[in-house]
Amino acid sequence: MNALVPAWSAPLAVTEVSSGVFIHQGVHEEFGEHYHGDIANISFVIGHDAVAVIDTGGSYLVGSALRAAIRMRTNLPIRYVINTHVHSDHIFGNAAFEQDKPEFIGHHLLPRAMKLRAENYLVNLHSMLGAAAEGSRIVLPTRLVDSEITLDLGGRILILQAWPAAHTDHDLTVQDENSGTLWLGDLLFAERTPSVDGDLQGWLSVIKSLDALQTALVIPGHGKPGKYKQALLEKQRHYLQTLRDDLRQGIRDGKSMTDTIQQAAQSEKQRWLLFDSVNSRNATVLYPAMEWE
């Protein structure tokens, strides 16, 4: 059992990054012995009539603290809970919002991903958090996004867009028309090494499309929000492309799998946090497919 897991008794600390737009920035830590469920960026948006939550954190405790932060600021109904993708640090707080009877919204492929991973995710969460995992469970979406939908919070429109396979095969973005804020989920990592769990070439293609969107502020799945979306996306694109090219080169040169994986993207090491563990995992996942290109 992880004795270091914080038992939140107070509302989660959030920052109002634009009028009515609040974010809690998760810390840059890996899953493991001291994991506490609070590593992803999670947010909420307040309109005139209702509230939307965008990702809920890695446990029921984190979700409950996020809900308490909302209730400190408004008594409006929490009408929507939006998940940008399946990863456990973004979804396990969903259960804390069931009492509000919101629509739980996700990409049309999210239910399949949740069902496939549910058992493994729950076993791992209880192993890492122990008693602090209590109440955490998979909550499936009740509304699916095939391409694009809009949500009206009252004087505030959110645009939800489903993307082709990229970081995962079910990434969803959210854009607030009022403030120009764009939530990218894990389609964008800032500071922390990007983690590949979908289609690398697809991700590079999606980055081009995201680059063309007009925004005032971008919220990554991990790391600090930023006004300079193009620079953040370019840094990530360069890492992903370097990783791909280094793996291809190692294979063409006849290097062993071990040497190719160990040497891939090492030129990027000083630019990213948690590089060694995440990059090694990325290279290991990608190598078999690239070997057969």
C-alpha atoms as a PDB file:
ATOM      1  CA  MET A   1       0.000   0.000   0.000  1.00  0.00           C
ATOM      2  CA  ASN A   2       1.238   3.471  -0.824  1.00  0.00           C
ATOM      3  CA  ALA A   3       1.333   5.392   2.451  1.00  0.00           C
ATOM      4  CA  LEU A   4       2.321   8.597   0.656  1.00  0.00           C
ATOM      5  CA  VAL A   5      -0.947   9.034  -1.225  1.00  0.00           C
ATOM      6  CA  PRO A   6      -2.480  12.366  -0.177  1.00  0.00           C
ATOM      7  CA  ALA A   7      -5.946  12.071   1.328  1.00  0.00           C
ATOM      8  CA  TRP A   8      -7.472  15.303   0.007  1.00  0.00           C
ATOM      9  CA  SER A   9      -9.724  16.901   2.614  1.00  0.00           C
ATOM     10  CA  ALA A  10      -9.831  20.271   0.851  1.00  0.00           C
ATOM     11  CA  PRO A  11     -10.821  21.378  -2.653  1.00  0.00           C
ATOM     12  CA  LEU A  12      -8.183  20.839  -5.307  1.00  0.00           C
ATOM     13  CA  ALA A  13      -6.042  23.898  -6.052  1.00  0.00           C
ATOM     14  CA  VAL A  14      -7.042  25.386  -9.406  1.00  0.00           C
ATOM     15  CA  THR A  15      -6.004  28.426 -11.433  1.00  0.00           C
ATOM     16  CA  GLU A  16      -8.406  30.580 -13.438  1.00  0.00           C
ATOM     17  CA  VAL A  17      -6.490  30.866 -16.716  1.00  0.00           C
ATOM     18  CA  SER A  18      -9.278  32.776 -18.466  1.00  0.00           C
ATOM     19  CA  SER A  19     -12.644  34.068 -17.276  1.00  0.00           C
ATOM     20  CA  GLY A  20     -14.635  31.021 -16.167  1.00  0.00           C
ATOM     21  CA  VAL A  21     -11.892  28.578 -17.228  1.00  0.00           C
ATOM     22  CA  PHE A  22     -10.118  26.722 -14.423  1.00  0.00           C
ATOM     23  CA  ILE A  23      -7.264  24.230 -14.521  1.00  0.00           C
ATOM     24  CA  HIS A  24      -5.464  22.040 -12.028  1.00  0.00           C
ATOM     25  CA  GLN A  25      -2.007  21.114 -13.292  1.00  0.00           C
ATOM     26  CA  GLY A  26      -0.859  17.620 -12.415  1.00  0.00           C
ATOM     27  CA  VAL A  27       2.693  16.976 -11.282  1.00  0.00           C
ATOM     28  CA  HIS A  28       5.357  15.418 -13.502  1.00  0.00           C
ATOM     29  CA  GLU A  29       5.649  11.960 -12.035  1.00  0.00           C
ATOM     30  CA  GLU A  30       5.465   8.444 -13.429  1.00  0.00           C
ATOM     31  CA  PHE A  31       3.188   5.579 -12.476  1.00  0.00           C
ATOM     32  CA  GLY A  32       4.830   3.502  -9.797  1.00  0.00           C
ATOM     33  CA  GLU A  33       5.378   3.052  -6.095  1.00  0.00           C
ATOM     34  CA  HIS A  34       4.572   6.618  -5.101  1.00  0.00           C
ATOM     35  CA  TYR A  35       1.851   7.297  -7.663  1.00  0.00           C
ATOM     36  CA  HIS A  36      -0.994   9.339  -6.161  1.00  0.00           C
ATOM     37  CA  GLY A  37      -3.373   9.829  -9.077  1.00  0.00           C
ATOM     38  CA  ASP A  38      -2.636  13.513  -9.627  1.00  0.00           C
ATOM     39  CA  ILE A  39      -0.378  13.742 -12.682  1.00  0.00           C
ATOM     40  CA  ALA A  40      -2.736  14.931 -15.451  1.00  0.00           C
ATOM     41  CA  ASN A  41      -4.170  18.366 -16.170  1.00  0.00           C
ATOM     42  CA  ILE A  42      -7.859  18.474 -15.268  1.00  0.00           C
ATOM     43  CA  SER A  43     -10.223  21.382 -15.789  1.00  0.00           C
ATOM     44  CA  PHE A  44     -13.697  22.859 -15.609  1.00  0.00           C
ATOM     45  CA  VAL A  45     -15.519  25.608 -17.481  1.00  0.00           C
ATOM     46  CA  ILE A  46     -18.379  27.673 -16.055  1.00  0.00           C
ATOM     47  CA  GLY A  47     -21.102  29.119 -18.290  1.00  0.00           C
ATOM     48  CA  HIS A  48     -24.212  31.099 -17.352  1.00  0.00           C
ATOM     49  CA  ASP A  49     -26.297  27.940 -16.987  1.00  0.00           C
ATOM     50  CA  ALA A  50     -24.004  24.983 -16.382  1.00  0.00           C
ATOM     51  CA  VAL A  51     -20.524  23.569 -15.836  1.00  0.00           C
ATOM     52  CA  ALA A  52     -18.441  21.216 -17.977  1.00  0.00           C
ATOM     53  CA  VAL A  53     -15.562  19.181 -16.556  1.00  0.00           C
ATOM     54  CA  ILE A  54     -12.685  18.193 -18.833  1.00  0.00           C
ATOM     55  CA  ASP A  55     -10.887  15.109 -17.487  1.00  0.00           C
ATOM     56  CA  THR A  56     -11.272  14.168 -13.845  1.00  0.00           C
ATOM     57  CA  GLY A  57      -7.957  12.839 -12.530  1.00  0.00           C
ATOM     58  CA  GLY A  58      -6.550   9.487 -11.581  1.00  0.00           C
ATOM     59  CA  SER A  59      -8.758   8.479  -8.659  1.00  0.00           C
ATOM     60  CA  TYR A  60     -12.105   9.040  -6.989  1.00  0.00           C
ATOM     61  CA  LEU A  61     -10.278  11.138  -4.377  1.00  0.00           C
ATOM     62  CA  VAL A  62      -8.843  13.477  -6.993  1.00  0.00           C
ATOM     63  CA  GLY A  63     -12.223  13.740  -8.717  1.00  0.00           C
ATOM     64  CA  SER A  64     -13.914  14.533  -5.401  1.00  0.00           C
ATOM     65  CA  ALA A  65     -11.391  17.296  -4.690  1.00  0.00           C
ATOM     66  CA  LEU A  66     -11.985  18.698  -8.176  1.00  0.00           C
ATOM     67  CA  ARG A  67     -15.728  18.637  -7.591  1.00  0.00           C
ATOM     68  CA  ALA A  68     -15.219  20.473  -4.288  1.00  0.00           C
ATOM     69  CA  ALA A  69     -13.211  23.133  -6.133  1.00  0.00           C
ATOM     70  CA  ILE A  70     -16.125  23.602  -8.526  1.00  0.00           C
ATOM     71  CA  ARG A  71     -18.602  23.907  -5.685  1.00  0.00           C
ATOM     72  CA  MET A  72     -16.460  26.608  -4.079  1.00  0.00           C
ATOM     73  CA  ARG A  73     -17.055  28.729  -7.179  1.00  0.00           C
ATOM     74  CA  THR A  74     -20.556  27.914  -8.379  1.00  0.00           C
ATOM     75  CA  ASN A  75     -23.731  26.001  -7.569  1.00  0.00           C
ATOM     76  CA  LEU A  76     -24.661  25.661 -11.233  1.00  0.00           C
ATOM     77  CA  PRO A  77     -25.352  22.101 -12.384  1.00  0.00           C
ATOM     78  CA  ILE A  78     -22.393  20.045 -13.539  1.00  0.00           C
ATOM     79  CA  ARG A  79     -24.001  19.031 -16.817  1.00  0.00           C
ATOM     80  CA  TYR A  80     -21.088  17.499 -18.729  1.00  0.00           C
ATOM     81  CA  VAL A  81     -18.034  15.400 -17.876  1.00  0.00           C
ATOM     82  CA  ILE A  82     -15.741  15.081 -20.886  1.00  0.00           C
ATOM     83  CA  ASN A  83     -12.915  12.559 -21.177  1.00  0.00           C
ATOM     84  CA  THR A  84     -10.195  13.334 -23.729  1.00  0.00           C
ATOM     85  CA  HIS A  85      -9.025   9.685 -23.838  1.00  0.00           C
ATOM     86  CA  VAL A  86      -8.856   6.491 -21.799  1.00  0.00           C
ATOM     87  CA  HIS A  87      -5.663   6.782 -19.763  1.00  0.00           C
ATOM     88  CA  SER A  88      -6.277   6.155 -16.104  1.00  0.00           C
ATOM     89  CA  ASP A  89      -4.803   9.435 -14.853  1.00  0.00           C
ATOM     90  CA  HIS A  90      -7.555  11.249 -16.778  1.00  0.00           C
ATOM     91  CA  ILE A  91     -10.683   9.153 -16.086  1.00  0.00           C
ATOM     92  CA  PHE A  92     -10.815   7.592 -12.625  1.00  0.00           C
ATOM     93  CA  GLY A  93     -12.238  10.748 -11.047  1.00  0.00           C
ATOM     94  CA  ASN A  94     -15.408  10.309 -13.140  1.00  0.00           C
ATOM     95  CA  ALA A  95     -17.154   8.405 -10.382  1.00  0.00           C
ATOM     96  CA  ALA A  96     -17.051  11.458  -8.092  1.00  0.00           C
ATOM     97  CA  PHE A  97     -19.436  13.226 -10.492  1.00  0.00           C
ATOM     98  CA  GLU A  98     -22.062  10.504 -10.873  1.00  0.00           C
ATOM     99  CA  GLN A  99     -24.143  12.170  -8.152  1.00  0.00           C
ATOM    100  CA  ASP A 100     -24.592  15.159 -10.474  1.00  0.00           C
ATOM    101  CA  LYS A 101     -26.109  12.949 -13.189  1.00  0.00           C
ATOM    102  CA  PRO A 102     -24.156  14.611 -16.009  1.00  0.00           C
ATOM    103  CA  GLU A 103     -23.680  13.415 -19.543  1.00  0.00           C
ATOM    104  CA  PHE A 104     -20.348  11.602 -19.678  1.00  0.00           C
ATOM    105  CA  ILE A 105     -18.903  12.360 -23.114  1.00  0.00           C
ATOM    106  CA  GLY A 106     -16.087  10.803 -25.111  1.00  0.00           C
ATOM    107  CA  HIS A 107     -14.833   9.737 -28.530  1.00  0.00           C
ATOM    108  CA  HIS A 108     -16.986   7.029 -30.126  1.00  0.00           C
ATOM    109  CA  LEU A 109     -14.165   4.505 -29.612  1.00  0.00           C
ATOM    110  CA  LEU A 110     -13.671   5.364 -25.933  1.00  0.00           C
ATOM    111  CA  PRO A 111     -16.136   2.769 -24.549  1.00  0.00           C
ATOM    112  CA  ARG A 112     -14.245  -0.040 -26.292  1.00  0.00           C
ATOM    113  CA  ALA A 113     -10.926   1.222 -24.913  1.00  0.00           C
ATOM    114  CA  MET A 114     -12.369   1.497 -21.402  1.00  0.00           C
ATOM    115  CA  LYS A 115     -13.803  -2.011 -21.462  1.00  0.00           C
ATOM    116  CA  LEU A 116     -10.575  -3.526 -22.785  1.00  0.00           C
ATOM    117  CA  ARG A 117      -8.443  -1.865 -20.111  1.00  0.00           C
ATOM    118  CA  ALA A 118     -10.819  -1.747 -17.138  1.00  0.00           C
ATOM    119  CA  GLU A 119      -9.656  -4.851 -15.283  1.00  0.00           C
ATOM    120  CA  ASN A 120      -5.951  -4.132 -15.691  1.00  0.00           C
ATOM    121  CA  TYR A 121      -6.362  -0.456 -14.814  1.00  0.00           C
ATOM    122  CA  LEU A 122      -8.273  -1.241 -11.623  1.00  0.00           C
ATOM    123  CA  VAL A 123      -5.783  -3.879 -10.488  1.00  0.00           C
ATOM    124  CA  ASN A 124      -2.888  -1.477 -11.051  1.00  0.00           C
ATOM    125  CA  LEU A 125      -4.655   1.426  -9.361  1.00  0.00           C
ATOM    126  CA  HIS A 126      -5.407  -0.565  -6.222  1.00  0.00           C
ATOM    127  CA  SER A 127      -1.853  -1.907  -6.216  1.00  0.00           C
ATOM    128  CA  MET A 128      -0.394   1.612  -6.360  1.00  0.00           C
ATOM    129  CA  LEU A 129      -2.879   3.527  -4.200  1.00  0.00           C
ATOM    130  CA  GLY A 130      -4.114   0.906  -1.770  1.00  0.00           C
ATOM    131  CA  ALA A 131      -6.994   2.250   0.317  1.00  0.00           C
ATOM    132  CA  ALA A 132      -6.814   5.583  -1.499  1.00  0.00           C
ATOM    133  CA  ALA A 133      -8.174   3.848  -4.630  1.00  0.00           C
ATOM    134  CA  GLU A 134     -11.510   3.321  -2.862  1.00  0.00           C
ATOM    135  CA  GLY A 135     -14.441   4.510  -4.955  1.00  0.00           C
ATOM    136  CA  SER A 136     -12.445   4.644  -8.181  1.00  0.00           C
ATOM    137  CA  ARG A 137     -14.061   2.843 -11.078  1.00  0.00           C
ATOM    138  CA  ILE A 138     -14.579   3.012 -14.808  1.00  0.00           C
ATOM    139  CA  VAL A 139     -17.566   5.148 -15.800  1.00  0.00           C
ATOM    140  CA  LEU A 140     -18.494   4.665 -19.449  1.00  0.00           C
ATOM    141  CA  PRO A 141     -19.553   7.595 -21.612  1.00  0.00           C
ATOM    142  CA  THR A 142     -23.283   8.132 -22.117  1.00  0.00           C
ATOM    143  CA  ARG A 143     -22.788  10.342 -25.197  1.00  0.00           C
ATOM    144  CA  LEU A 144     -20.331   9.688 -28.005  1.00  0.00           C
ATOM    145  CA  VAL A 145     -18.619  11.980 -30.499  1.00  0.00           C
ATOM    146  CA  ASP A 146     -18.214  10.595 -34.016  1.00  0.00           C
ATOM    147  CA  SER A 147     -16.806  13.762 -35.555  1.00  0.00           C
ATOM    148  CA  GLU A 148     -17.842  17.026 -33.870  1.00  0.00           C
ATOM    149  CA  ILE A 149     -20.506  18.266 -31.464  1.00  0.00           C
ATOM    150  CA  THR A 150     -21.171  21.526 -29.616  1.00  0.00           C
ATOM    151  CA  LEU A 151     -22.218  21.987 -25.996  1.00  0.00           C
ATOM    152  CA  ASP A 152     -23.952  25.136 -24.751  1.00  0.00           C
ATOM    153  CA  LEU A 153     -23.175  26.050 -21.131  1.00  0.00           C
ATOM    154  CA  GLY A 154     -25.233  29.217 -21.424  1.00  0.00           C
ATOM    155  CA  GLY A 155     -23.492  32.019 -23.276  1.00  0.00           C
ATOM    156  CA  ARG A 156     -20.536  29.697 -23.721  1.00  0.00           C
ATOM    157  CA  ILE A 157     -20.108  27.173 -26.529  1.00  0.00           C
ATOM    158  CA  LEU A 158     -17.697  24.248 -26.354  1.00  0.00           C
ATOM    159  CA  ILE A 159     -16.698  22.450 -29.560  1.00  0.00           C
ATOM    160  CA  LEU A 160     -15.745  18.785 -29.127  1.00  0.00           C
ATOM    161  CA  GLN A 161     -13.843  17.111 -31.966  1.00  0.00           C
ATOM    162  CA  ALA A 162     -12.955  13.451 -32.419  1.00  0.00           C
ATOM    163  CA  TRP A 163      -9.626  12.713 -34.126  1.00  0.00           C
ATOM    164  CA  PRO A 164      -8.192   9.775 -36.092  1.00  0.00           C
ATOM    165  CA  ALA A 165      -5.704   7.496 -34.357  1.00  0.00           C
ATOM    166  CA  ALA A 166      -2.842   9.549 -32.901  1.00  0.00           C
ATOM    167  CA  HIS A 167      -1.782   9.500 -29.238  1.00  0.00           C
ATOM    168  CA  THR A 168      -4.505   6.857 -28.866  1.00  0.00           C
ATOM    169  CA  ASP A 169      -7.170   5.707 -31.325  1.00  0.00           C
ATOM    170  CA  HIS A 170      -9.830   7.776 -29.524  1.00  0.00           C
ATOM    171  CA  ASP A 171      -8.468  11.271 -28.829  1.00  0.00           C
ATOM    172  CA  LEU A 172     -10.954  14.090 -28.267  1.00  0.00           C
ATOM    173  CA  THR A 173     -10.273  17.836 -28.101  1.00  0.00           C
ATOM    174  CA  VAL A 174     -12.360  20.611 -26.580  1.00  0.00           C
ATOM    175  CA  GLN A 175     -12.372  24.255 -27.641  1.00  0.00           C
ATOM    176  CA  ASP A 176     -14.081  27.106 -25.797  1.00  0.00           C
ATOM    177  CA  GLU A 177     -15.302  29.653 -28.340  1.00  0.00           C
ATOM    178  CA  ASN A 178     -15.477  32.473 -25.779  1.00  0.00           C
ATOM    179  CA  SER A 179     -11.898  32.378 -24.529  1.00  0.00           C
ATOM    180  CA  GLY A 180     -10.183  30.620 -27.425  1.00  0.00           C
ATOM    181  CA  THR A 181      -8.947  27.949 -24.996  1.00  0.00           C
ATOM    182  CA  LEU A 182      -8.171  24.569 -26.561  1.00  0.00           C
ATOM    183  CA  TRP A 183      -7.829  21.374 -24.513  1.00  0.00           C
ATOM    184  CA  LEU A 184      -5.708  18.827 -26.353  1.00  0.00           C
ATOM    185  CA  GLY A 185      -5.545  16.067 -23.765  1.00  0.00           C
ATOM    186  CA  ASP A 186      -2.493  13.942 -24.438  1.00  0.00           C
ATOM    187  CA  LEU A 187      -2.346  14.997 -28.067  1.00  0.00           C
ATOM    188  CA  LEU A 188       0.035  17.533 -26.544  1.00  0.00           C
ATOM    189  CA  PHE A 189       2.669  17.025 -23.855  1.00  0.00           C
ATOM    190  CA  ALA A 190       4.494  20.072 -22.522  1.00  0.00           C
ATOM    191  CA  GLU A 191       7.730  19.491 -20.570  1.00  0.00           C
ATOM    192  CA  ARG A 192       7.004  15.799 -19.950  1.00  0.00           C
ATOM    193  CA  THR A 193       8.152  13.295 -22.587  1.00  0.00           C
ATOM    194  CA  PRO A 194       5.274  12.399 -24.956  1.00  0.00           C
ATOM    195  CA  SER A 195       3.954   8.866 -24.525  1.00  0.00           C
ATOM    196  CA  VAL A 196       2.955   6.870 -27.600  1.00  0.00           C
ATOM    197  CA  ASP A 197      -0.077   4.592 -27.256  1.00  0.00           C
ATOM    198  CA  GLY A 198      -1.635   4.848 -30.698  1.00  0.00           C
ATOM    199  CA  ASP A 199      -0.342   5.577 -34.181  1.00  0.00           C
ATOM    200  CA  LEU A 200       2.877   7.557 -34.521  1.00  0.00           C
ATOM    201  CA  GLN A 201       2.347   8.563 -38.146  1.00  0.00           C
ATOM    202  CA  GLY A 202      -1.245   9.438 -37.367  1.00  0.00           C
ATOM    203  CA  TRP A 203      -0.114  11.618 -34.483  1.00  0.00           C
ATOM    204  CA  LEU A 204       2.304  13.512 -36.697  1.00  0.00           C
ATOM    205  CA  SER A 205      -0.528  14.073 -39.176  1.00  0.00           C
ATOM    206  CA  VAL A 206      -2.919  15.272 -36.469  1.00  0.00           C
ATOM    207  CA  ILE A 207      -0.268  17.705 -35.210  1.00  0.00           C
ATOM    208  CA  LYS A 208      -0.417  19.426 -38.616  1.00  0.00           C
ATOM    209  CA  SER A 209      -4.179  19.825 -38.292  1.00  0.00           C
ATOM    210  CA  LEU A 210      -3.941  21.095 -34.714  1.00  0.00           C
ATOM    211  CA  ASP A 211      -1.291  23.577 -35.758  1.00  0.00           C
ATOM    212  CA  ALA A 212      -3.808  25.225 -38.105  1.00  0.00           C
ATOM    213  CA  LEU A 213      -6.433  25.846 -35.396  1.00  0.00           C
ATOM    214  CA  GLN A 214      -6.785  29.411 -34.139  1.00  0.00           C
ATOM    215  CA  THR A 215      -6.423  29.534 -30.341  1.00  0.00           C
ATOM    216  CA  ALA A 216      -5.561  31.975 -27.591  1.00  0.00           C
ATOM    217  CA  LEU A 217      -4.477  29.374 -25.028  1.00  0.00           C
ATOM    218  CA  VAL A 218      -3.722  25.681 -25.245  1.00  0.00           C
ATOM    219  CA  ILE A 219      -4.085  23.209 -22.362  1.00  0.00           C
ATOM    220  CA  PRO A 220      -1.858  20.124 -22.764  1.00  0.00           C
ATOM    221  CA  GLY A 221      -2.645  16.835 -21.083  1.00  0.00           C
ATOM    222  CA  HIS A 222       0.525  17.307 -19.039  1.00  0.00           C
ATOM    223  CA  GLY A 223       2.525  20.461 -18.429  1.00  0.00           C
ATOM    224  CA  LYS A 224       1.941  24.184 -18.346  1.00  0.00           C
ATOM    225  CA  PRO A 225      -0.760  25.820 -20.460  1.00  0.00           C
ATOM    226  CA  GLY A 226       0.707  28.004 -23.178  1.00  0.00           C
ATOM    227  CA  LYS A 227      -0.172  30.799 -25.591  1.00  0.00           C
ATOM    228  CA  TYR A 228       2.310  29.613 -28.202  1.00  0.00           C
ATOM    229  CA  LYS A 229       0.610  26.487 -29.488  1.00  0.00           C
ATOM    230  CA  GLN A 230       2.726  26.217 -32.618  1.00  0.00           C
ATOM    231  CA  ALA A 231       5.979  26.194 -30.647  1.00  0.00           C
ATOM    232  CA  LEU A 232       4.678  23.541 -28.232  1.00  0.00           C
ATOM    233  CA  LEU A 233       3.447  21.346 -31.070  1.00  0.00           C
ATOM    234  CA  GLU A 234       6.692  21.796 -32.983  1.00  0.00           C
ATOM    235  CA  LYS A 235       8.772  20.673 -30.013  1.00  0.00           C
ATOM    236  CA  GLN A 236       6.604  17.559 -29.688  1.00  0.00           C
ATOM    237  CA  ARG A 237       6.651  16.929 -33.451  1.00  0.00           C
ATOM    238  CA  HIS A 238      10.452  17.093 -33.444  1.00  0.00           C
ATOM    239  CA  TYR A 239      10.684  14.494 -30.667  1.00  0.00           C
ATOM    240  CA  LEU A 240       8.257  12.087 -32.331  1.00  0.00           C
ATOM    241  CA  GLN A 241       9.901  12.452 -35.724  1.00  0.00           C
ATOM    242  CA  THR A 242      13.391  12.018 -34.241  1.00  0.00           C
ATOM    243  CA  LEU A 243      12.272   8.878 -32.426  1.00  0.00           C
ATOM    244  CA  ARG A 244      10.787   7.471 -35.631  1.00  0.00           C
ATOM    245  CA  ASP A 245      13.805   8.337 -37.778  1.00  0.00           C
ATOM    246  CA  ASP A 246      16.340   6.969 -35.278  1.00  0.00           C
ATOM    247  CA  LEU A 247      14.482   3.666 -35.015  1.00  0.00           C
ATOM    248  CA  ARG A 248      14.327   3.377 -38.800  1.00  0.00           C
ATOM    249  CA  GLN A 249      18.025   4.184 -39.129  1.00  0.00           C
ATOM    250  CA  GLY A 250      19.033   1.624 -36.524  1.00  0.00           C
ATOM    251  CA  ILE A 251      17.016  -1.045 -38.308  1.00  0.00           C
ATOM    252  CA  ARG A 252      18.488  -0.106 -41.716  1.00  0.00           C
ATOM    253  CA  ASP A 253      22.010  -0.202 -40.259  1.00  0.00           C
ATOM    254  CA  GLY A 254      21.462  -3.725 -38.937  1.00  0.00           C
ATOM    255  CA  LYS A 255      21.891  -2.763 -35.270  1.00  0.00           C
ATOM    256  CA  SER A 256      20.478  -5.054 -32.636  1.00  0.00           C
ATOM    257  CA  MET A 257      17.022  -4.313 -31.267  1.00  0.00           C
ATOM    258  CA  THR A 258      18.530  -3.477 -27.875  1.00  0.00           C
ATOM    259  CA  ASP A 259      21.050  -0.999 -29.293  1.00  0.00           C
ATOM    260  CA  THR A 260      18.466   0.604 -31.571  1.00  0.00           C
ATOM    261  CA  ILE A 261      16.003   1.122 -28.715  1.00  0.00           C
ATOM    262  CA  GLN A 262      18.668   2.424 -26.343  1.00  0.00           C
ATOM    263  CA  GLN A 263      20.015   4.935 -28.856  1.00  0.00           C
ATOM    264  CA  ALA A 264      16.707   6.180 -30.285  1.00  0.00           C
ATOM    265  CA  ALA A 265      15.980   9.913 -29.749  1.00  0.00           C
ATOM    266  CA  GLN A 266      18.857  10.384 -27.291  1.00  0.00           C
ATOM    267  CA  SER A 267      19.492  13.799 -28.851  1.00  0.00           C
ATOM    268  CA  GLU A 268      16.176  14.867 -27.306  1.00  0.00           C
ATOM    269  CA  LYS A 269      17.008  13.818 -23.757  1.00  0.00           C
ATOM    270  CA  GLN A 270      17.803  17.258 -22.331  1.00  0.00           C
ATOM    271  CA  ARG A 271      14.579  18.744 -23.685  1.00  0.00           C
ATOM    272  CA  TRP A 272      12.138  16.549 -21.773  1.00  0.00           C
ATOM    273  CA  LEU A 273      11.298  15.413 -18.236  1.00  0.00           C
ATOM    274  CA  LEU A 274      10.964  11.705 -17.342  1.00  0.00           C
ATOM    275  CA  PHE A 275      12.821  10.986 -20.563  1.00  0.00           C
ATOM    276  CA  ASP A 276      14.586   7.702 -19.826  1.00  0.00           C
ATOM    277  CA  SER A 277      11.552   5.674 -18.785  1.00  0.00           C
ATOM    278  CA  VAL A 278       9.042   7.116 -21.249  1.00  0.00           C
ATOM    279  CA  ASN A 279      11.342   7.180 -24.277  1.00  0.00           C
ATOM    280  CA  SER A 280      12.484   3.618 -23.671  1.00  0.00           C
ATOM    281  CA  ARG A 281       8.859   2.493 -23.472  1.00  0.00           C
ATOM    282  CA  ASN A 282       7.991   4.382 -26.662  1.00  0.00           C
ATOM    283  CA  ALA A 283      10.905   2.864 -28.580  1.00  0.00           C
ATOM    284  CA  THR A 284      10.072  -0.632 -27.359  1.00  0.00           C
ATOM    285  CA  VAL A 285       6.445  -0.281 -28.446  1.00  0.00           C
ATOM    286  CA  LEU A 286       7.291   1.157 -31.864  1.00  0.00           C
ATOM    287  CA  TYR A 287      10.233  -1.054 -32.843  1.00  0.00           C
ATOM    288  CA  PRO A 288       8.339  -4.216 -33.892  1.00  0.00           C
ATOM    289  CA  ALA A 289       6.083  -2.371 -36.342  1.00  0.00           C
ATOM    290  CA  MET A 290       8.937  -0.401 -37.848  1.00  0.00           C
ATOM    291  CA  GLU A 291      10.984  -3.566 -38.290  1.00  0.00           C
ATOM    292  CA  TRP A 292       8.387  -4.692 -40.855  1.00  0.00           C
ATOM    293  CA  GLU A 293       7.954  -1.412 -42.733  1.00  0.00           C
END
